[in-house]
PDB file of all heavy atoms in Angstrom:
ATOM      1  N   ALA A   1       5.490   3.909   5.962  1.00  0.00           N
ATOM      2  CA  ALA A   1       5.748   3.964   7.406  1.00  0.00           C
ATOM      3  C   ALA A   1       5.803   5.406   7.885  1.00  0.00           C
ATOM      4  O   ALA A   1       5.249   5.753   8.939  1.00  0.00           O
ATOM      5  CB  ALA A   1       7.053   3.239   7.724  1.00  0.00           C
ATOM      6  N   ALA A   2       6.463   6.278   7.118  1.00  0.00           N
ATOM      7  CA  ALA A   2       6.546   7.684   7.483  1.00  0.00           C
ATOM      8  C   ALA A   2       5.176   8.356   7.393  1.00  0.00           C
ATOM      9  O   ALA A   2       4.804   9.156   8.261  1.00  0.00           O
ATOM     10  CB  ALA A   2       7.553   8.397   6.587  1.00  0.00           C
ATOM     11  N   LEU A   3       4.420   8.020   6.348  1.00  0.00           N
ATOM     12  CA  LEU A   3       3.108   8.624   6.139  1.00  0.00           C
ATOM     13  C   LEU A   3       2.124   8.228   7.244  1.00  0.00           C
ATOM     14  O   LEU A   3       1.375   9.059   7.764  1.00  0.00           O
ATOM     15  CB  LEU A   3       2.554   8.208   4.776  1.00  0.00           C
ATOM     16  CG  LEU A   3       1.155   8.688   4.417  1.00  0.00           C
ATOM     17  CD1 LEU A   3       1.133  10.204   4.272  1.00  0.00           C
ATOM     18  CD2 LEU A   3       0.681   8.021   3.121  1.00  0.00           C
ATOM     19  N   LEU A   4       2.133   6.943   7.603  1.00  0.00           N
ATOM     20  CA  LEU A   4       1.177   6.415   8.580  1.00  0.00           C
ATOM     21  C   LEU A   4       1.687   6.475  10.015  1.00  0.00           C
ATOM     22  O   LEU A   4       0.968   6.088  10.945  1.00  0.00           O
ATOM     23  CB  LEU A   4       0.833   4.969   8.215  1.00  0.00           C
ATOM     24  CG  LEU A   4       0.201   4.791   6.831  1.00  0.00           C
ATOM     25  CD1 LEU A   4       0.110   3.316   6.461  1.00  0.00           C
ATOM     26  CD2 LEU A   4      -1.176   5.440   6.766  1.00  0.00           C
ATOM     27  N   LYS A   5       2.943   6.907  10.160  1.00  0.00           N
ATOM     28  CA  LYS A   5       3.566   7.022  11.493  1.00  0.00           C
ATOM     29  C   LYS A   5       3.554   5.672  12.224  1.00  0.00           C
ATOM     30  O   LYS A   5       3.168   5.574  13.391  1.00  0.00           O
ATOM     31  CB  LYS A   5       2.872   8.104  12.313  1.00  0.00           C
ATOM     32  CG  LYS A   5       3.005   9.501  11.713  1.00  0.00           C
ATOM     33  CD  LYS A   5       2.301  10.550  12.550  1.00  0.00           C
ATOM     34  CE  LYS A   5       2.582  11.956  12.057  1.00  0.00           C
ATOM     35  NZ  LYS A   5       2.241  12.159  10.631  1.00  0.00           N
ATOM     36  N   ARG A   6       3.965   4.652  11.512  1.00  0.00           N
ATOM     37  CA  ARG A   6       4.091   3.308  12.067  1.00  0.00           C
ATOM     38  C   ARG A   6       5.468   2.754  11.696  1.00  0.00           C
ATOM     39  O   ARG A   6       6.013   3.075  10.634  1.00  0.00           O
ATOM     40  CB  ARG A   6       3.024   2.386  11.475  1.00  0.00           C
ATOM     41  CG  ARG A   6       1.600   2.677  11.922  1.00  0.00           C
ATOM     42  CD  ARG A   6       1.346   2.251  13.359  1.00  0.00           C
ATOM     43  NE  ARG A   6      -0.064   2.255  13.694  1.00  0.00           N
ATOM     44  CZ  ARG A   6      -0.840   1.173  13.768  1.00  0.00           C
ATOM     45  NH1 ARG A   6      -0.313  -0.025  13.567  1.00  0.00           N
ATOM     46  NH2 ARG A   6      -2.113   1.275  14.072  1.00  0.00           N
ATOM     47  N   PRO A   7       6.029   1.881  12.527  1.00  0.00           N
ATOM     48  CA  PRO A   7       7.279   1.227  12.139  1.00  0.00           C
ATOM     49  C   PRO A   7       7.036   0.277  10.966  1.00  0.00           C
ATOM     50  O   PRO A   7       5.953  -0.289  10.819  1.00  0.00           O
ATOM     51  CB  PRO A   7       7.687   0.465  13.403  1.00  0.00           C
ATOM     52  CG  PRO A   7       6.438   0.333  14.197  1.00  0.00           C
ATOM     53  CD  PRO A   7       5.588   1.521  13.894  1.00  0.00           C
ATOM     54  N   GLU A   8       8.044   0.132  10.152  1.00  0.00           N
ATOM     55  CA  GLU A   8       7.916  -0.740   8.979  1.00  0.00           C
ATOM     56  C   GLU A   8       7.539  -2.167   9.374  1.00  0.00           C
ATOM     57  O   GLU A   8       6.836  -2.859   8.628  1.00  0.00           O
ATOM     58  CB  GLU A   8       9.221  -0.750   8.178  1.00  0.00           C
ATOM     59  CG  GLU A   8       9.550   0.561   7.514  1.00  0.00           C
ATOM     60  CD  GLU A   8      10.817   0.489   6.701  1.00  0.00           C
ATOM     61  OE1 GLU A   8      11.101  -0.606   6.143  1.00  0.00           O
ATOM     62  OE2 GLU A   8      11.542   1.496   6.619  1.00  0.00           O
ATOM     63  N   SER A   9       7.982  -2.589  10.543  1.00  0.00           N
ATOM     64  CA  SER A   9       7.724  -3.964  10.977  1.00  0.00           C
ATOM     65  C   SER A   9       6.238  -4.228  11.193  1.00  0.00           C
ATOM     66  O   SER A   9       5.808  -5.386  11.211  1.00  0.00           O
ATOM     67  CB  SER A   9       8.498  -4.264  12.261  1.00  0.00           C
ATOM     68  OG  SER A   9       8.115  -3.371  13.304  1.00  0.00           O
ATOM     69  N   GLU A  10       5.442  -3.183  11.378  1.00  0.00           N
ATOM     70  CA  GLU A  10       4.008  -3.361  11.604  1.00  0.00           C
ATOM     71  C   GLU A  10       3.192  -3.307  10.309  1.00  0.00           C
ATOM     72  O   GLU A  10       1.980  -3.518  10.332  1.00  0.00           O
ATOM     73  CB  GLU A  10       3.486  -2.274  12.561  1.00  0.00           C
ATOM     74  CG  GLU A  10       3.992  -2.418  13.986  1.00  0.00           C
ATOM     75  CD  GLU A  10       3.309  -1.419  14.910  1.00  0.00           C
ATOM     76  OE1 GLU A  10       2.457  -0.643  14.432  1.00  0.00           O
ATOM     77  OE2 GLU A  10       3.636  -1.431  16.114  1.00  0.00           O
ATOM     78  N   ILE A  11       3.827  -3.031   9.206  1.00  0.00           N
ATOM     79  CA  ILE A  11       3.112  -2.858   7.930  1.00  0.00           C
ATOM     80  C   ILE A  11       3.307  -4.092   7.060  1.00  0.00           C
ATOM     81  O   ILE A  11       4.442  -4.517   6.801  1.00  0.00           O
ATOM     82  CB  ILE A  11       3.595  -1.605   7.190  1.00  0.00           C
ATOM     83  CG1 ILE A  11       3.308  -0.356   8.029  1.00  0.00           C
ATOM     84  CG2 ILE A  11       2.929  -1.486   5.827  1.00  0.00           C
ATOM     85  CD1 ILE A  11       3.857   0.919   7.431  1.00  0.00           C
ATOM     86  N   THR A  12       2.202  -4.647   6.603  1.00  0.00           N
ATOM     87  CA  THR A  12       2.234  -5.777   5.668  1.00  0.00           C
ATOM     88  C   THR A  12       1.609  -5.336   4.354  1.00  0.00           C
ATOM     89  O   THR A  12       0.494  -4.810   4.338  1.00  0.00           O
ATOM     90  CB  THR A  12       1.457  -6.983   6.218  1.00  0.00           C
ATOM     91  OG1 THR A  12       2.043  -7.386   7.462  1.00  0.00           O
ATOM     92  CG2 THR A  12       1.488  -8.141   5.239  1.00  0.00           C
ATOM     93  N   LEU A  13       2.313  -5.553   3.258  1.00  0.00           N
ATOM     94  CA  LEU A  13       1.798  -5.238   1.927  1.00  0.00           C
ATOM     95  C   LEU A  13       1.597  -6.534   1.157  1.00  0.00           C
ATOM     96  O   LEU A  13       2.528  -7.332   1.013  1.00  0.00           O
ATOM     97  CB  LEU A  13       2.775  -4.327   1.172  1.00  0.00           C
ATOM     98  CG  LEU A  13       2.872  -2.871   1.619  1.00  0.00           C
ATOM     99  CD1 LEU A  13       3.895  -2.137   0.762  1.00  0.00           C
ATOM    100  CD2 LEU A  13       1.527  -2.179   1.535  1.00  0.00           C
ATOM    101  N   LYS A  14       0.384  -6.739   0.666  1.00  0.00           N
ATOM    102  CA  LYS A  14       0.074  -7.909  -0.150  1.00  0.00           C
ATOM    103  C   LYS A  14      -0.236  -7.452  -1.569  1.00  0.00           C
ATOM    104  O   LYS A  14      -1.152  -6.648  -1.790  1.00  0.00           O
ATOM    105  CB  LYS A  14      -1.127  -8.658   0.445  1.00  0.00           C
ATOM    106  CG  LYS A  14      -0.858  -9.218   1.835  1.00  0.00           C
ATOM    107  CD  LYS A  14      -2.055  -9.980   2.368  1.00  0.00           C
ATOM    108  CE  LYS A  14      -1.765 -10.562   3.745  1.00  0.00           C
ATOM    109  NZ  LYS A  14      -2.937 -11.312   4.301  1.00  0.00           N
ATOM    110  N   THR A  15       0.517  -7.956  -2.523  1.00  0.00           N
ATOM    111  CA  THR A  15       0.314  -7.559  -3.916  1.00  0.00           C
ATOM    112  C   THR A  15      -1.031  -8.053  -4.417  1.00  0.00           C
ATOM    113  O   THR A  15      -1.409  -9.204  -4.189  1.00  0.00           O
ATOM    114  CB  THR A  15       1.438  -8.118  -4.803  1.00  0.00           C
ATOM    115  OG1 THR A  15       2.704  -7.632  -4.328  1.00  0.00           O
ATOM    116  CG2 THR A  15       1.255  -7.694  -6.243  1.00  0.00           C
ATOM    117  N   LEU A  16      -1.757  -7.177  -5.103  1.00  0.00           N
ATOM    118  CA  LEU A  16      -3.064  -7.511  -5.657  1.00  0.00           C
ATOM    119  C   LEU A  16      -2.983  -7.563  -7.171  1.00  0.00           C
ATOM    120  O   LEU A  16      -2.240  -6.811  -7.800  1.00  0.00           O
ATOM    121  CB  LEU A  16      -4.110  -6.467  -5.239  1.00  0.00           C
ATOM    122  CG  LEU A  16      -4.340  -6.310  -3.739  1.00  0.00           C
ATOM    123  CD1 LEU A  16      -5.313  -5.174  -3.471  1.00  0.00           C
ATOM    124  CD2 LEU A  16      -4.872  -7.609  -3.136  1.00  0.00           C
ATOM    125  N   ALA A  17      -3.786  -8.442  -7.750  1.00  0.00           N
ATOM    126  CA  ALA A  17      -3.855  -8.543  -9.208  1.00  0.00           C
ATOM    127  C   ALA A  17      -4.826  -7.506  -9.738  1.00  0.00           C
ATOM    128  O   ALA A  17      -5.641  -6.939  -9.011  1.00  0.00           O
ATOM    129  CB  ALA A  17      -4.302  -9.941  -9.613  1.00  0.00           C
ATOM    130  N   GLY A  18      -4.746  -7.280 -11.058  1.00  0.00           N
ATOM    131  CA  GLY A  18      -5.681  -6.369 -11.698  1.00  0.00           C
ATOM    132  C   GLY A  18      -5.027  -5.056 -12.062  1.00  0.00           C
ATOM    133  O   GLY A  18      -4.110  -4.584 -11.390  1.00  0.00           O
ATOM    134  N   GLY A  19      -5.514  -4.461 -13.147  1.00  0.00           N
ATOM    135  CA  GLY A  19      -4.958  -3.198 -13.603  1.00  0.00           C
ATOM    136  C   GLY A  19      -3.687  -3.412 -14.394  1.00  0.00           C
ATOM    137  O   GLY A  19      -2.947  -4.381 -14.179  1.00  0.00           O
ATOM    138  N   ASP A  20      -3.407  -2.510 -15.317  1.00  0.00           N
ATOM    139  CA  ASP A  20      -2.206  -2.672 -16.138  1.00  0.00           C
ATOM    140  C   ASP A  20      -1.361  -1.405 -16.172  1.00  0.00           C
ATOM    141  O   ASP A  20      -0.429  -1.304 -16.960  1.00  0.00           O
ATOM    142  CB  ASP A  20      -2.583  -3.077 -17.570  1.00  0.00           C
ATOM    143  CG  ASP A  20      -3.516  -2.079 -18.232  1.00  0.00           C
ATOM    144  OD1 ASP A  20      -3.830  -1.053 -17.613  1.00  0.00           O
ATOM    145  OD2 ASP A  20      -3.921  -2.343 -19.374  1.00  0.00           O
ATOM    146  N   THR A  21      -1.673  -0.420 -15.315  1.00  0.00           N
ATOM    147  CA  THR A  21      -0.891   0.807 -15.321  1.00  0.00           C
ATOM    148  C   THR A  21      -0.194   1.070 -13.992  1.00  0.00           C
ATOM    149  O   THR A  21       0.741   1.858 -13.941  1.00  0.00           O
ATOM    150  CB  THR A  21      -1.780   2.027 -15.642  1.00  0.00           C
ATOM    151  OG1 THR A  21      -2.829   2.107 -14.672  1.00  0.00           O
ATOM    152  CG2 THR A  21      -2.380   1.912 -17.034  1.00  0.00           C
ATOM    153  N   ALA A  22      -0.628   0.442 -12.918  1.00  0.00           N
ATOM    154  CA  ALA A  22      -0.047   0.703 -11.602  1.00  0.00           C
ATOM    155  C   ALA A  22       0.088  -0.600 -10.819  1.00  0.00           C
ATOM    156  O   ALA A  22      -0.605  -1.577 -11.097  1.00  0.00           O
ATOM    157  CB  ALA A  22      -0.908   1.693 -10.818  1.00  0.00           C
ATOM    158  N   ARG A  23       0.985  -0.599  -9.832  1.00  0.00           N
ATOM    159  CA  ARG A  23       1.093  -1.715  -8.907  1.00  0.00           C
ATOM    160  C   ARG A  23       0.119  -1.478  -7.766  1.00  0.00           C
ATOM    161  O   ARG A  23       0.005  -0.359  -7.258  1.00  0.00           O
ATOM    162  CB  ARG A  23       2.524  -1.819  -8.383  1.00  0.00           C
ATOM    163  CG  ARG A  23       3.552  -2.131  -9.455  1.00  0.00           C
ATOM    164  CD  ARG A  23       4.959  -2.049  -8.890  1.00  0.00           C
ATOM    165  NE  ARG A  23       5.181  -3.045  -7.828  1.00  0.00           N
ATOM    166  CZ  ARG A  23       6.265  -3.055  -7.047  1.00  0.00           C
ATOM    167  NH1 ARG A  23       7.202  -2.136  -7.208  1.00  0.00           N
ATOM    168  NH2 ARG A  23       6.403  -3.981  -6.123  1.00  0.00           N
ATOM    169  N   SER A  24      -0.595  -2.531  -7.355  1.00  0.00           N
ATOM    170  CA  SER A  24      -1.635  -2.394  -6.341  1.00  0.00           C
ATOM    171  C   SER A  24      -1.349  -3.314  -5.157  1.00  0.00           C
ATOM    172  O   SER A  24      -0.866  -4.438  -5.335  1.00  0.00           O
ATOM    173  CB  SER A  24      -3.005  -2.735  -6.928  1.00  0.00           C
ATOM    174  OG  SER A  24      -3.319  -1.859  -7.990  1.00  0.00           O
ATOM    175  N   PHE A  25      -1.679  -2.827  -3.953  1.00  0.00           N
ATOM    176  CA  PHE A  25      -1.400  -3.574  -2.736  1.00  0.00           C
ATOM    177  C   PHE A  25      -2.562  -3.438  -1.740  1.00  0.00           C
ATOM    178  O   PHE A  25      -3.268  -2.423  -1.726  1.00  0.00           O
ATOM    179  CB  PHE A  25      -0.132  -3.043  -2.047  1.00  0.00           C
ATOM    180  CG  PHE A  25       1.080  -2.978  -2.914  1.00  0.00           C
ATOM    181  CD1 PHE A  25       1.371  -1.826  -3.626  1.00  0.00           C
ATOM    182  CD2 PHE A  25       1.930  -4.072  -3.020  1.00  0.00           C
ATOM    183  CE1 PHE A  25       2.500  -1.756  -4.429  1.00  0.00           C
ATOM    184  CE2 PHE A  25       3.053  -4.008  -3.824  1.00  0.00           C
ATOM    185  CZ  PHE A  25       3.345  -2.855  -4.530  1.00  0.00           C
ATOM    186  N   ARG A  26      -2.720  -4.453  -0.922  1.00  0.00           N
ATOM    187  CA  ARG A  26      -3.553  -4.360   0.281  1.00  0.00           C
ATOM    188  C   ARG A  26      -2.607  -4.134   1.441  1.00  0.00           C
ATOM    189  O   ARG A  26      -1.675  -4.914   1.668  1.00  0.00           O
ATOM    190  CB  ARG A  26      -4.366  -5.643   0.488  1.00  0.00           C
ATOM    191  CG  ARG A  26      -5.166  -5.669   1.797  1.00  0.00           C
ATOM    192  CD  ARG A  26      -5.814  -7.007   1.999  1.00  0.00           C
ATOM    193  NE  ARG A  26      -6.279  -7.199   3.373  1.00  0.00           N
ATOM    194  CZ  ARG A  26      -7.533  -7.059   3.787  1.00  0.00           C
ATOM    195  NH1 ARG A  26      -8.469  -6.743   2.908  1.00  0.00           N
ATOM    196  NH2 ARG A  26      -7.857  -7.251   5.046  1.00  0.00           N
ATOM    197  N   LEU A  27      -2.843  -3.068   2.188  1.00  0.00           N
ATOM    198  CA  LEU A  27      -1.989  -2.719   3.313  1.00  0.00           C
ATOM    199  C   LEU A  27      -2.700  -3.104   4.605  1.00  0.00           C
ATOM    200  O   LEU A  27      -3.859  -2.738   4.819  1.00  0.00           O
ATOM    201  CB  LEU A  27      -1.692  -1.211   3.293  1.00  0.00           C
ATOM    202  CG  LEU A  27      -0.750  -0.657   4.359  1.00  0.00           C
ATOM    203  CD1 LEU A  27      -0.058   0.595   3.847  1.00  0.00           C
ATOM    204  CD2 LEU A  27      -1.470  -0.335   5.674  1.00  0.00           C
ATOM    205  N   GLU A  28      -1.987  -3.813   5.463  1.00  0.00           N
ATOM    206  CA  GLU A  28      -2.543  -4.229   6.746  1.00  0.00           C
ATOM    207  C   GLU A  28      -1.611  -3.801   7.873  1.00  0.00           C
ATOM    208  O   GLU A  28      -0.378  -3.858   7.737  1.00  0.00           O
ATOM    209  CB  GLU A  28      -2.728  -5.750   6.780  1.00  0.00           C
ATOM    210  CG  GLU A  28      -3.716  -6.261   5.733  1.00  0.00           C
ATOM    211  CD  GLU A  28      -3.805  -7.778   5.720  1.00  0.00           C
ATOM    212  OE1 GLU A  28      -2.992  -8.415   6.427  1.00  0.00           O
ATOM    213  OE2 GLU A  28      -4.673  -8.319   5.008  1.00  0.00           O
ATOM    214  N   MET A  29      -2.231  -3.369   8.992  1.00  0.00           N
ATOM    215  CA  MET A  29      -1.486  -2.996  10.197  1.00  0.00           C
ATOM    216  C   MET A  29      -2.283  -3.447  11.417  1.00  0.00           C
ATOM    217  O   MET A  29      -3.523  -3.477  11.366  1.00  0.00           O
ATOM    218  CB  MET A  29      -1.276  -1.482  10.269  1.00  0.00           C
ATOM    219  CG  MET A  29      -0.451  -0.890   9.158  1.00  0.00           C
ATOM    220  SD  MET A  29      -0.165   0.898   9.424  1.00  0.00           S
ATOM    221  CE  MET A  29      -1.856   1.510   9.479  1.00  0.00           C
ATOM    222  N   PRO A  30      -1.625  -3.769  12.512  1.00  0.00           N
ATOM    223  CA  PRO A  30      -2.351  -4.157  13.732  1.00  0.00           C
ATOM    224  C   PRO A  30      -3.261  -3.033  14.209  1.00  0.00           C
ATOM    225  O   PRO A  30      -2.855  -1.867  14.277  1.00  0.00           O
ATOM    226  CB  PRO A  30      -1.228  -4.422  14.740  1.00  0.00           C
ATOM    227  CG  PRO A  30      -0.015  -4.695  13.913  1.00  0.00           C
ATOM    228  CD  PRO A  30      -0.162  -3.866  12.685  1.00  0.00           C
ATOM    229  N   GLY A  31      -4.513  -3.391  14.505  1.00  0.00           N
ATOM    230  CA  GLY A  31      -5.434  -2.434  15.083  1.00  0.00           C
ATOM    231  C   GLY A  31      -5.923  -1.349  14.152  1.00  0.00           C
ATOM    232  O   GLY A  31      -6.441  -0.323  14.608  1.00  0.00           O
ATOM    233  N   ALA A  32      -5.791  -1.558  12.840  1.00  0.00           N
ATOM    234  CA  ALA A  32      -6.206  -0.531  11.876  1.00  0.00           C
ATOM    235  C   ALA A  32      -6.928  -1.189  10.719  1.00  0.00           C
ATOM    236  O   ALA A  32      -6.651  -2.347  10.372  1.00  0.00           O
ATOM    237  CB  ALA A  32      -5.000   0.252  11.370  1.00  0.00           C
ATOM    238  N   PRO A  33      -7.871  -0.481  10.100  1.00  0.00           N
ATOM    239  CA  PRO A  33      -8.540  -1.056   8.930  1.00  0.00           C
ATOM    240  C   PRO A  33      -7.566  -1.192   7.767  1.00  0.00           C
ATOM    241  O   PRO A  33      -6.579  -0.455   7.662  1.00  0.00           O
ATOM    242  CB  PRO A  33      -9.640  -0.036   8.618  1.00  0.00           C
ATOM    243  CG  PRO A  33      -9.146   1.247   9.213  1.00  0.00           C
ATOM    244  CD  PRO A  33      -8.377   0.865  10.438  1.00  0.00           C
ATOM    245  N   ALA A  34      -7.854  -2.140   6.895  1.00  0.00           N
ATOM    246  CA  ALA A  34      -7.009  -2.341   5.711  1.00  0.00           C
ATOM    247  C   ALA A  34      -7.125  -1.129   4.791  1.00  0.00           C
ATOM    248  O   ALA A  34      -8.131  -0.420   4.783  1.00  0.00           O
ATOM    249  CB  ALA A  34      -7.426  -3.610   4.975  1.00  0.00           C
ATOM    250  N   ARG A  35      -6.087  -0.930   4.027  1.00  0.00           N
ATOM    251  CA  ARG A  35      -6.073   0.149   3.042  1.00  0.00           C
ATOM    252  C   ARG A  35      -5.660  -0.407   1.685  1.00  0.00           C
ATOM    253  O   ARG A  35      -5.001  -1.431   1.599  1.00  0.00           O
ATOM    254  CB  ARG A  35      -5.116   1.263   3.466  1.00  0.00           C
ATOM    255  CG  ARG A  35      -5.574   2.047   4.694  1.00  0.00           C
ATOM    256  CD  ARG A  35      -4.464   2.956   5.169  1.00  0.00           C
ATOM    257  NE  ARG A  35      -4.893   3.896   6.193  1.00  0.00           N
ATOM    258  CZ  ARG A  35      -4.907   3.653   7.485  1.00  0.00           C
ATOM    259  NH1 ARG A  35      -4.550   2.438   7.923  1.00  0.00           N
ATOM    260  NH2 ARG A  35      -5.295   4.562   8.354  1.00  0.00           N
ATOM    261  N   PHE A  36      -6.064   0.311   0.653  1.00  0.00           N
ATOM    262  CA  PHE A  36      -5.689  -0.042  -0.717  1.00  0.00           C
ATOM    263  C   PHE A  36      -4.647   0.965  -1.182  1.00  0.00           C
ATOM    264  O   PHE A  36      -4.848   2.184  -1.049  1.00  0.00           O
ATOM    265  CB  PHE A  36      -6.919   0.007  -1.622  1.00  0.00           C
ATOM    266  CG  PHE A  36      -6.648  -0.364  -3.055  1.00  0.00           C
ATOM    267  CD1 PHE A  36      -6.308  -1.661  -3.397  1.00  0.00           C
ATOM    268  CD2 PHE A  36      -6.754   0.579  -4.059  1.00  0.00           C
ATOM    269  CE1 PHE A  36      -6.058  -2.008  -4.717  1.00  0.00           C
ATOM    270  CE2 PHE A  36      -6.515   0.235  -5.385  1.00  0.00           C
ATOM    271  CZ  PHE A  36      -6.165  -1.053  -5.719  1.00  0.00           C
ATOM    272  N   VAL A  37      -3.531   0.471  -1.695  1.00  0.00           N
ATOM    273  CA  VAL A  37      -2.415   1.336  -2.074  1.00  0.00           C
ATOM    274  C   VAL A  37      -2.061   1.100  -3.541  1.00  0.00           C
ATOM    275  O   VAL A  37      -1.952  -0.047  -3.989  1.00  0.00           O
ATOM    276  CB  VAL A  37      -1.169   1.063  -1.192  1.00  0.00           C
ATOM    277  CG1 VAL A  37       0.000   1.936  -1.644  1.00  0.00           C
ATOM    278  CG2 VAL A  37      -1.498   1.308   0.265  1.00  0.00           C
ATOM    279  N   LYS A  38      -1.893   2.189  -4.273  1.00  0.00           N
ATOM    280  CA  LYS A  38      -1.407   2.120  -5.650  1.00  0.00           C
ATOM    281  C   LYS A  38      -0.063   2.834  -5.731  1.00  0.00           C
ATOM    282  O   LYS A  38       0.133   3.889  -5.122  1.00  0.00           O
ATOM    283  CB  LYS A  38      -2.383   2.813  -6.609  1.00  0.00           C
ATOM    284  CG  LYS A  38      -3.518   1.952  -7.102  1.00  0.00           C
ATOM    285  CD  LYS A  38      -4.283   2.668  -8.215  1.00  0.00           C
ATOM    286  CE  LYS A  38      -5.325   1.761  -8.829  1.00  0.00           C
ATOM    287  NZ  LYS A  38      -6.024   2.431  -9.960  1.00  0.00           N
ATOM    288  N   TYR A  39       0.833   2.242  -6.529  1.00  0.00           N
ATOM    289  CA  TYR A  39       2.114   2.899  -6.816  1.00  0.00           C
ATOM    290  C   TYR A  39       2.286   3.009  -8.317  1.00  0.00           C
ATOM    291  O   TYR A  39       2.005   2.059  -9.063  1.00  0.00           O
ATOM    292  CB  TYR A  39       3.298   2.126  -6.240  1.00  0.00           C
ATOM    293  CG  TYR A  39       4.616   2.681  -6.740  1.00  0.00           C
ATOM    294  CD1 TYR A  39       5.183   3.806  -6.153  1.00  0.00           C
ATOM    295  CD2 TYR A  39       5.250   2.121  -7.845  1.00  0.00           C
ATOM    296  CE1 TYR A  39       6.365   4.350  -6.635  1.00  0.00           C
ATOM    297  CE2 TYR A  39       6.433   2.658  -8.340  1.00  0.00           C
ATOM    298  CZ  TYR A  39       6.985   3.773  -7.735  1.00  0.00           C
ATOM    299  OH  TYR A  39       8.140   4.317  -8.227  1.00  0.00           O
ATOM    300  N   HIS A  40       2.736   4.168  -8.782  1.00  0.00           N
ATOM    301  CA  HIS A  40       3.088   4.334 -10.188  1.00  0.00           C
ATOM    302  C   HIS A  40       4.297   5.247 -10.274  1.00  0.00           C
ATOM    303  O   HIS A  40       4.446   6.177  -9.472  1.00  0.00           O
ATOM    304  CB  HIS A  40       1.927   4.927 -10.987  1.00  0.00           C
ATOM    305  CG  HIS A  40       2.051   4.691 -12.459  1.00  0.00           C
ATOM    306  ND1 HIS A  40       2.891   5.430 -13.269  1.00  0.00           N
ATOM    307  CD2 HIS A  40       1.451   3.784 -13.266  1.00  0.00           C
ATOM    308  CE1 HIS A  40       2.805   4.992 -14.514  1.00  0.00           C
ATOM    309  NE2 HIS A  40       1.937   3.992 -14.538  1.00  0.00           N
ATOM    310  N   ASP A  41       5.171   4.972 -11.234  1.00  0.00           N
ATOM    311  CA  ASP A  41       6.369   5.796 -11.341  1.00  0.00           C
ATOM    312  C   ASP A  41       6.110   7.123 -12.048  1.00  0.00           C
ATOM    313  O   ASP A  41       7.023   7.937 -12.191  1.00  0.00           O
ATOM    314  CB  ASP A  41       7.516   5.031 -12.023  1.00  0.00           C
ATOM    315  CG  ASP A  41       7.135   4.502 -13.396  1.00  0.00           C
ATOM    316  OD1 ASP A  41       6.065   4.876 -13.909  1.00  0.00           O
ATOM    317  OD2 ASP A  41       7.906   3.704 -13.952  1.00  0.00           O
ATOM    318  N   GLU A  42       4.864   7.346 -12.498  1.00  0.00           N
ATOM    319  CA  GLU A  42       4.468   8.634 -13.066  1.00  0.00           C
ATOM    320  C   GLU A  42       3.477   9.295 -12.097  1.00  0.00           C
ATOM    321  O   GLU A  42       2.294   8.971 -12.090  1.00  0.00           O
ATOM    322  CB  GLU A  42       3.828   8.443 -14.441  1.00  0.00           C
ATOM    323  CG  GLU A  42       3.234   9.715 -15.051  1.00  0.00           C
ATOM    324  CD  GLU A  42       4.193  10.883 -15.022  1.00  0.00           C
ATOM    325  OE1 GLU A  42       5.146  10.873 -15.814  1.00  0.00           O
ATOM    326  OE2 GLU A  42       3.992  11.798 -14.179  1.00  0.00           O
ATOM    327  N   PRO A  43       3.940  10.233 -11.266  1.00  0.00           N
ATOM    328  CA  PRO A  43       3.061  10.828 -10.257  1.00  0.00           C
ATOM    329  C   PRO A  43       1.811  11.476 -10.842  1.00  0.00           C
ATOM    330  O   PRO A  43       0.734  11.434 -10.228  1.00  0.00           O
ATOM    331  CB  PRO A  43       3.959  11.871  -9.572  1.00  0.00           C
ATOM    332  CG  PRO A  43       5.350  11.384  -9.795  1.00  0.00           C
ATOM    333  CD  PRO A  43       5.328  10.734 -11.143  1.00  0.00           C
ATOM    334  N   ALA A  44       1.926  12.075 -12.033  1.00  0.00           N
ATOM    335  CA  ALA A  44       0.776  12.776 -12.619  1.00  0.00           C
ATOM    336  C   ALA A  44      -0.406  11.846 -12.834  1.00  0.00           C
ATOM    337  O   ALA A  44      -1.567  12.277 -12.763  1.00  0.00           O
ATOM    338  CB  ALA A  44       1.186  13.432 -13.939  1.00  0.00           C
ATOM    339  N   LEU A  45      -0.138  10.568 -13.092  1.00  0.00           N
ATOM    340  CA  LEU A  45      -1.233   9.621 -13.296  1.00  0.00           C
ATOM    341  C   LEU A  45      -2.065   9.465 -12.032  1.00  0.00           C
ATOM    342  O   LEU A  45      -3.302   9.458 -12.080  1.00  0.00           O
ATOM    343  CB  LEU A  45      -0.667   8.278 -13.746  1.00  0.00           C
ATOM    344  CG  LEU A  45      -1.677   7.245 -14.243  1.00  0.00           C
ATOM    345  CD1 LEU A  45      -1.072   6.410 -15.367  1.00  0.00           C
ATOM    346  CD2 LEU A  45      -2.114   6.309 -13.109  1.00  0.00           C
TER     347      LEU A  45
END
């Protein structure tokens, strides 16, 4: 929300399958193209 300058209420994260090292999501917001988001607790990766 801070990065995209949108309220949290406008952001939808859908968990995606696949991969074994990071958590993956499809991010959706009104009036914006979808984005692919990865999270990992090791930033260097």
